[in-house]
Amino acid sequence: MAQKLDAKGGEKGDLWDDGVHENVRKVCVGQGQDCISFIKFEYVDGSQVVVGDEHGKHTFEVDADDYIIYVEAFCEKKTEETIVALKFATYKGKTNQEFQTSPGVKYVLQGGKIVGFHGRSSDVLHSLGAYVSFPSTPELLGKWAKCATPGESLSARGGAGLEVVEGKVWVVYGFDGCEVDDVHYYDPVEDKWTQVETYGEKPCARSVFASAVVGKHIVIFGGEIAMDPQAHVGPGQMTGGTFALNTETLKWERLDKLGEDEETPNVRAWSASTSGTIDGKKGLVMFGGKAQTNARFDDLFFYGIDSA
C-alpha cells in the first residue's frame, strides 16, 4: 500500500496524477529559461514499461536494481509558484545533479521507495508530489518481541545504563523521579529479572551517563546526579569519573584515579556512547553531551582498556 505525499510548491495550474506503479525507471525534465517547463516519468509494472504524460531535455535513468528514495524541489523565491530545479537521488546514491548553492526555496519528498508522482502544471511545473512504499524485502528483516516485565524491585525509569554482557541484559542506575543506584539484569534464557547487590568503589546514584561493555565489565562515565529545578531547560548537577562494574564479582572499581596527570573529559551527562575497539584496545567511546554550564560538547573521547 503506497502512501501519497502532498505536492510541494505552488497552487496554480491543473492537477495531474500518474498513480502508483512498481518502480520509476526514467525521469525526463524539460528545463526552461528560468523554471521547469515540463516533466515526464517512465514507470515499470512487471515487464511492462508505462510512460506518463508530459507534465525533456534532461534525462535521469534509474538502474533496474535501484529506486528513487529522495527528491528535492526548488521553487522560485518570490512567489514559490513555479519549480525552478529538481534533484533526484536513489537508494544506491545515484543523483541527477548537485547544487553548490540553493537555487530557490527547497521542498523535500522522502519516506520510502518512490513509486509514482503527481502535481500541478500549466506551461510550467508548479508543484510535485509523490507516492512512496517500502520494499517487500528490506535489507534487515526482524520483529519486536516483548520480554518479561520486571518486578516491583525495578522501578519504572529513564536514563539508565543498558548493556548486554554474555547474553544477559543489565540495567544500571537511572532516574525514577530521583537518581537511583540499583543494578538489575534480565536473563532471556530463563525469562527472568534479578536484582543484584554491588560493592567496592561504587559511583553515587546517577542517570544519563555514558556506558559500554568491555569483556565482563560495564564501564561508565559521568552522568547527572541531581535534576535541575527547571527539568530539561536547566543543566542539572553533573558529575565525572570513570567506573567499571565486574558483572561476575559485582565489584565496582574507579578507573581514573583522582589527582593523577591524565587526559580526562569534562564533567558531563547526556553523551552518546558505545563500545568500541580502537588501535587494538577495547573501551568506551563517548561523544558530546551536556556541560554543567548547560552548553553542549562536540568532542570525542575513547577510554581504552589496556588489560582487556
Protein backbone atom coordinates (compact mmCIF):
# COMPACT_ATOMS: atom_id res chain seq x y z
CA MET A 1 0.00 0.00 0.00
CA ALA A 2 1.56 3.26 -1.12
CA GLN A 3 1.32 6.48 0.84
CA LYS A 4 0.55 9.70 -1.01
CA LEU A 5 2.83 12.63 -0.14
CA ASP A 6 1.28 16.04 -0.67
CA ALA A 7 2.56 18.04 -3.63
CA LYS A 8 5.11 20.71 -2.73
CA GLY A 9 5.19 24.07 -4.44
CA GLY A 10 2.58 26.39 -5.94
CA GLU A 11 -1.21 26.20 -6.24
CA LYS A 12 -1.57 27.27 -9.88
CA GLY A 13 -2.02 25.01 -12.91
CA ASP A 14 -4.01 21.84 -13.46
CA LEU A 15 -3.82 18.75 -11.31
CA TRP A 16 -2.19 15.64 -12.76
CA ASP A 17 -1.58 12.22 -11.19
CA ASP A 18 0.42 9.32 -12.65
CA GLY A 19 -0.80 6.95 -9.93
CA VAL A 20 1.10 4.10 -8.25
CA HIS A 21 3.50 1.80 -10.10
CA GLU A 22 6.09 -0.83 -9.31
CA ASN A 23 9.06 1.47 -9.89
CA VAL A 24 10.24 4.64 -11.59
CA ARG A 25 12.66 3.84 -14.40
CA LYS A 26 13.32 7.19 -16.09
CA VAL A 27 12.76 10.91 -15.41
CA CYS A 28 12.75 13.46 -18.25
CA VAL A 29 12.97 17.09 -17.20
CA GLY A 30 12.38 19.96 -19.61
CA GLN A 31 14.39 22.92 -18.35
CA GLY A 32 13.07 26.31 -19.47
CA GLN A 33 14.83 29.64 -19.22
CA ASP A 34 14.15 30.10 -15.52
CA CYS A 35 11.92 27.17 -14.49
CA ILE A 36 10.95 23.55 -15.22
CA SER A 37 8.86 23.69 -18.41
CA PHE A 38 7.62 20.09 -18.20
CA ILE A 39 8.40 16.73 -16.64
CA LYS A 40 7.71 13.17 -17.78
CA PHE A 41 8.18 9.88 -15.93
CA GLU A 42 8.67 6.36 -17.25
CA TYR A 43 7.46 3.64 -14.90
CA VAL A 44 7.78 -0.15 -14.75
CA ASP A 45 4.97 -2.53 -13.79
CA GLY A 46 6.29 -6.08 -14.02
CA SER A 47 7.81 -6.32 -17.51
CA GLN A 48 5.67 -3.52 -18.92
CA VAL A 49 7.01 0.00 -19.34
CA VAL A 50 4.44 2.70 -18.58
CA VAL A 51 5.11 6.21 -19.89
CA GLY A 52 3.44 9.04 -18.03
CA ASP A 53 2.13 12.22 -19.62
CA GLU A 54 4.36 15.26 -20.06
CA HIS A 55 3.70 17.46 -17.14
CA GLY A 56 12.88 16.82 -22.00
CA LYS A 57 15.89 17.71 -22.39
CA HIS A 58 17.49 16.28 -19.25
CA THR A 59 17.01 12.54 -18.62
CA PHE A 60 17.75 10.69 -15.38
CA GLU A 61 17.68 6.90 -15.65
CA VAL A 62 17.31 4.58 -12.66
CA ASP A 63 19.10 1.22 -12.75
CA ALA A 64 16.95 -1.92 -12.77
CA ASP A 65 18.11 -2.91 -9.25
CA ASP A 66 17.72 0.59 -7.81
CA TYR A 67 14.91 3.01 -6.98
CA ILE A 68 14.34 6.69 -6.14
CA ILE A 69 14.06 7.49 -2.42
CA TYR A 70 14.56 11.25 -2.30
CA VAL A 71 13.52 14.31 -4.28
CA GLU A 72 14.36 17.98 -3.77
CA ALA A 73 12.10 20.52 -5.49
CA PHE A 74 13.27 24.14 -5.59
CA CYS A 75 10.65 26.88 -6.09
CA GLU A 76 11.42 30.43 -7.17
CA LYS A 77 11.80 32.60 -4.10
CA LYS A 78 9.38 35.47 -4.79
CA THR A 79 6.03 33.65 -5.05
CA GLU A 80 7.05 29.97 -4.76
CA GLU A 81 4.60 29.29 -7.60
CA THR A 82 6.94 27.61 -10.07
CA ILE A 83 9.58 24.92 -9.67
CA VAL A 84 12.96 26.03 -10.98
CA ALA A 85 15.08 22.93 -10.31
CA LEU A 86 14.76 19.28 -9.27
CA LYS A 87 17.16 16.83 -7.71
CA PHE A 88 16.51 13.06 -7.61
CA ALA A 89 18.51 10.56 -5.56
CA THR A 90 18.33 6.77 -5.46
CA TYR A 91 18.81 4.15 -2.76
CA LYS A 92 22.29 3.40 -4.15
CA GLY A 93 23.32 7.05 -4.13
CA LYS A 94 22.87 7.97 -7.80
CA THR A 95 21.72 11.58 -8.40
CA ASN A 96 20.86 13.66 -11.43
CA GLN A 97 22.68 16.78 -10.21
CA GLU A 98 24.22 18.52 -7.22
CA PHE A 99 23.69 22.13 -6.15
CA GLN A 100 26.50 24.12 -4.56
CA THR A 101 24.04 26.84 -3.56
CA SER A 102 20.27 26.60 -3.26
CA PRO A 103 18.55 27.76 -6.48
CA GLY A 104 15.33 28.53 -4.59
CA VAL A 105 13.06 27.55 -1.71
CA LYS A 106 13.64 23.85 -1.09
CA TYR A 107 10.95 21.20 -0.52
CA VAL A 108 11.75 17.54 0.10
CA LEU A 109 9.86 14.34 -0.82
CA GLN A 110 11.07 11.23 1.01
CA GLY A 111 9.99 8.40 3.30
CA GLY A 112 10.41 5.21 1.28
CA LYS A 113 10.61 3.86 -2.25
CA ILE A 114 9.04 6.41 -4.62
CA VAL A 115 6.62 4.60 -6.96
CA GLY A 116 4.69 7.43 -8.62
CA PHE A 117 4.33 11.18 -8.95
CA HIS A 118 1.56 13.78 -9.04
CA GLY A 119 1.40 17.55 -9.00
CA ARG A 120 0.22 20.71 -10.78
CA SER A 121 1.33 22.15 -14.11
CA SER A 122 0.40 24.58 -16.87
CA ASP A 123 3.06 25.51 -19.38
CA VAL A 124 5.44 25.15 -16.43
CA LEU A 125 5.68 22.82 -13.42
CA HIS A 126 4.07 24.37 -10.34
CA SER A 127 4.23 21.59 -7.77
CA LEU A 128 5.36 17.99 -7.33
CA GLY A 129 4.21 15.23 -5.01
CA ALA A 130 4.94 11.52 -4.80
CA TYR A 131 3.70 8.09 -3.78
CA VAL A 132 6.02 6.10 -1.52
CA SER A 133 6.08 2.45 -0.50
CA PHE A 134 8.56 0.20 1.26
CA PRO A 135 10.47 -2.61 -0.50
CA SER A 136 8.91 -6.03 0.09
CA THR A 137 12.29 -7.49 1.12
CA PRO A 138 14.14 -5.00 3.37
CA GLU A 139 17.84 -5.43 3.92
CA LEU A 140 17.27 -6.19 7.60
CA LEU A 141 14.26 -8.33 8.46
CA GLY A 142 13.02 -8.91 12.00
CA LYS A 143 10.29 -8.27 14.52
CA TRP A 144 9.82 -6.91 18.04
CA ALA A 145 9.24 -9.28 20.95
CA LYS A 146 8.22 -8.25 24.46
CA CYS A 147 10.31 -9.75 27.25
CA ALA A 148 9.28 -10.47 30.83
CA THR A 149 8.19 -7.44 32.83
CA PRO A 150 10.45 -6.62 35.81
CA GLY A 151 9.03 -6.93 39.29
CA GLU A 152 8.45 -4.14 41.78
CA SER A 153 12.14 -4.04 42.70
CA LEU A 154 12.95 -2.41 39.34
CA SER A 155 11.05 0.87 39.27
CA ALA A 156 9.95 2.47 36.01
CA ARG A 157 12.79 4.76 34.96
CA GLY A 158 14.67 6.56 32.25
CA GLY A 159 18.31 7.40 31.69
CA ALA A 160 19.63 4.03 32.87
CA GLY A 161 22.71 2.32 31.53
CA LEU A 162 21.62 -0.59 29.32
CA GLU A 163 24.22 -3.13 28.25
CA VAL A 164 24.35 -6.80 27.24
CA VAL A 165 27.09 -8.88 28.87
CA GLU A 166 27.46 -12.56 27.99
CA GLY A 167 23.81 -12.83 26.95
CA LYS A 168 22.31 -11.05 29.95
CA VAL A 169 20.74 -7.59 29.74
CA TRP A 170 21.94 -5.25 32.50
CA VAL A 171 20.06 -2.16 33.73
CA VAL A 172 22.37 0.09 35.73
CA TYR A 173 21.17 3.02 37.84
CA GLY A 174 18.86 5.61 36.20
CA PHE A 175 16.15 8.13 37.17
CA ASP A 176 12.69 7.26 38.53
CA GLY A 177 11.83 10.71 39.91
CA CYS A 178 15.21 10.89 41.56
CA GLU A 179 18.59 9.37 40.76
CA VAL A 180 18.89 5.69 41.78
CA ASP A 181 21.86 3.35 42.25
CA ASP A 182 20.36 -0.13 41.94
CA VAL A 183 21.50 -2.74 39.39
CA HIS A 184 19.43 -5.47 37.74
CA TYR A 185 19.87 -7.98 34.95
CA TYR A 186 17.49 -9.90 32.69
CA ASP A 187 18.25 -13.49 31.66
CA PRO A 188 16.49 -14.20 28.33
CA VAL A 189 17.02 -17.96 28.71
CA GLU A 190 15.08 -18.06 31.98
CA ASP A 191 12.96 -15.04 31.01
CA LYS A 192 13.64 -13.69 34.49
CA TRP A 193 14.81 -10.46 36.15
CA THR A 194 17.24 -10.40 39.10
CA GLN A 195 18.39 -7.52 41.31
CA VAL A 196 22.00 -7.71 42.49
CA GLU A 197 23.90 -6.04 45.32
CA THR A 198 27.13 -4.40 44.21
CA TYR A 199 30.08 -3.26 46.33
CA GLY A 200 33.51 -1.64 46.07
CA GLU A 201 34.18 1.89 44.80
CA LYS A 202 30.55 2.43 43.87
CA PRO A 203 29.65 5.53 41.89
CA CYS A 204 26.92 7.61 43.50
CA ALA A 205 23.36 7.44 42.16
CA ARG A 206 23.17 8.93 38.65
CA SER A 207 21.49 8.77 35.26
CA VAL A 208 22.12 9.66 31.58
CA PHE A 209 25.78 8.62 31.78
CA ALA A 210 27.98 7.16 29.05
CA SER A 211 28.39 3.38 29.16
CA ALA A 212 29.99 0.49 27.30
CA VAL A 213 30.81 -3.20 27.67
CA VAL A 214 34.42 -4.38 27.85
CA GLY A 215 34.59 -8.13 28.36
CA LYS A 216 32.69 -8.93 31.57
CA HIS A 217 32.78 -5.29 32.71
CA ILE A 218 30.36 -2.39 32.28
CA VAL A 219 32.29 0.87 32.05
CA ILE A 220 30.55 4.18 32.76
CA PHE A 221 31.49 7.86 32.76
CA GLY A 222 29.83 10.97 34.16
CA GLY A 223 26.10 11.47 34.36
CA GLU A 224 23.56 13.62 36.15
CA ILE A 225 23.32 13.26 39.95
CA ALA A 226 20.53 15.79 40.55
CA MET A 227 17.77 17.02 38.26
CA ASP A 228 17.60 20.73 37.56
CA PRO A 229 14.59 22.59 39.09
CA GLN A 230 13.73 23.60 35.52
CA ALA A 231 13.98 19.97 34.38
CA HIS A 232 15.49 19.72 30.87
CA VAL A 233 15.63 23.51 30.48
CA GLY A 234 18.46 23.70 33.01
CA PRO A 235 21.71 21.75 33.26
CA GLY A 236 21.10 19.80 36.46
CA GLN A 237 24.05 18.75 38.58
CA MET A 238 26.65 16.83 36.60
CA THR A 239 29.46 14.58 37.70
CA GLY A 240 32.52 12.90 36.22
CA GLY A 241 34.51 9.78 36.97
CA THR A 242 35.18 6.56 35.08
CA PHE A 243 33.97 3.40 36.81
CA ALA A 244 33.78 -0.30 35.92
CA LEU A 245 31.39 -2.94 37.26
CA ASN A 246 32.58 -6.56 37.14
CA THR A 247 29.37 -8.43 36.29
CA GLU A 248 30.74 -11.69 37.74
CA THR A 249 32.01 -10.46 41.13
CA LEU A 250 29.62 -7.42 41.23
CA LYS A 251 32.52 -5.23 42.36
CA TRP A 252 32.84 -1.60 41.28
CA GLU A 253 36.25 -0.03 40.65
CA ARG A 254 37.17 3.55 39.85
CA LEU A 255 39.41 3.57 36.78
CA ASP A 256 40.57 7.19 36.57
CA LYS A 257 42.32 7.97 39.81
CA LEU A 258 41.87 11.47 41.26
CA GLY A 259 44.96 13.66 41.24
CA GLU A 260 46.79 11.72 38.56
CA ASP A 261 48.04 13.57 35.48
CA GLU A 262 45.92 12.17 32.65
CA GLU A 263 43.53 13.38 29.96
CA THR A 264 40.03 13.29 31.46
CA PRO A 265 36.81 14.54 29.85
CA ASN A 266 35.00 17.44 31.42
CA VAL A 267 32.12 16.71 33.76
CA ARG A 268 29.08 15.94 31.59
CA ALA A 269 25.88 13.96 31.04
CA TRP A 270 23.58 13.03 28.14
CA SER A 271 26.52 11.88 25.98
CA ALA A 272 26.26 9.48 23.06
CA SER A 273 28.27 6.34 23.79
CA THR A 274 29.06 2.85 22.59
CA SER A 275 31.57 0.02 22.97
CA GLY A 276 34.44 0.09 20.51
CA THR A 277 37.91 -1.12 19.59
CA ILE A 278 40.50 1.48 18.54
CA ASP A 279 44.17 0.70 17.89
CA GLY A 280 43.63 -2.78 19.26
CA LYS A 281 42.18 -1.62 22.58
CA LYS A 282 38.59 -2.21 23.68
CA GLY A 283 36.82 0.50 25.59
CA LEU A 284 34.20 3.23 25.93
CA VAL A 285 33.64 5.61 23.01
CA MET A 286 31.92 8.85 24.05
CA PHE A 287 30.78 11.84 22.00
CA GLY A 288 29.43 15.21 23.10
CA GLY A 289 26.94 15.68 25.90
CA LYS A 290 25.59 18.44 28.14
CA ALA A 291 28.00 20.57 30.20
CA GLN A 292 27.48 21.93 33.69
CA THR A 293 27.04 25.34 32.05
CA ASN A 294 24.12 23.89 30.02
CA ALA A 295 26.23 24.22 26.85
CA ARG A 296 26.85 21.20 24.59
CA PHE A 297 30.14 19.44 23.88
CA ASP A 298 31.32 18.43 20.41
CA ASP A 299 34.34 16.37 21.47
CA LEU A 300 35.06 12.67 21.05
CA PHE A 301 36.82 10.61 23.74
CA PHE A 302 37.92 6.99 23.94
CA TYR A 303 38.76 5.22 27.19
CA GLY A 304 40.86 2.27 26.08
CA ILE A 305 41.39 -0.65 28.47
CA ASP A 306 44.97 -1.91 28.43
CA SER A 307 44.18 -5.19 30.16
CA ALA A 308 41.02 -6.17 28.27
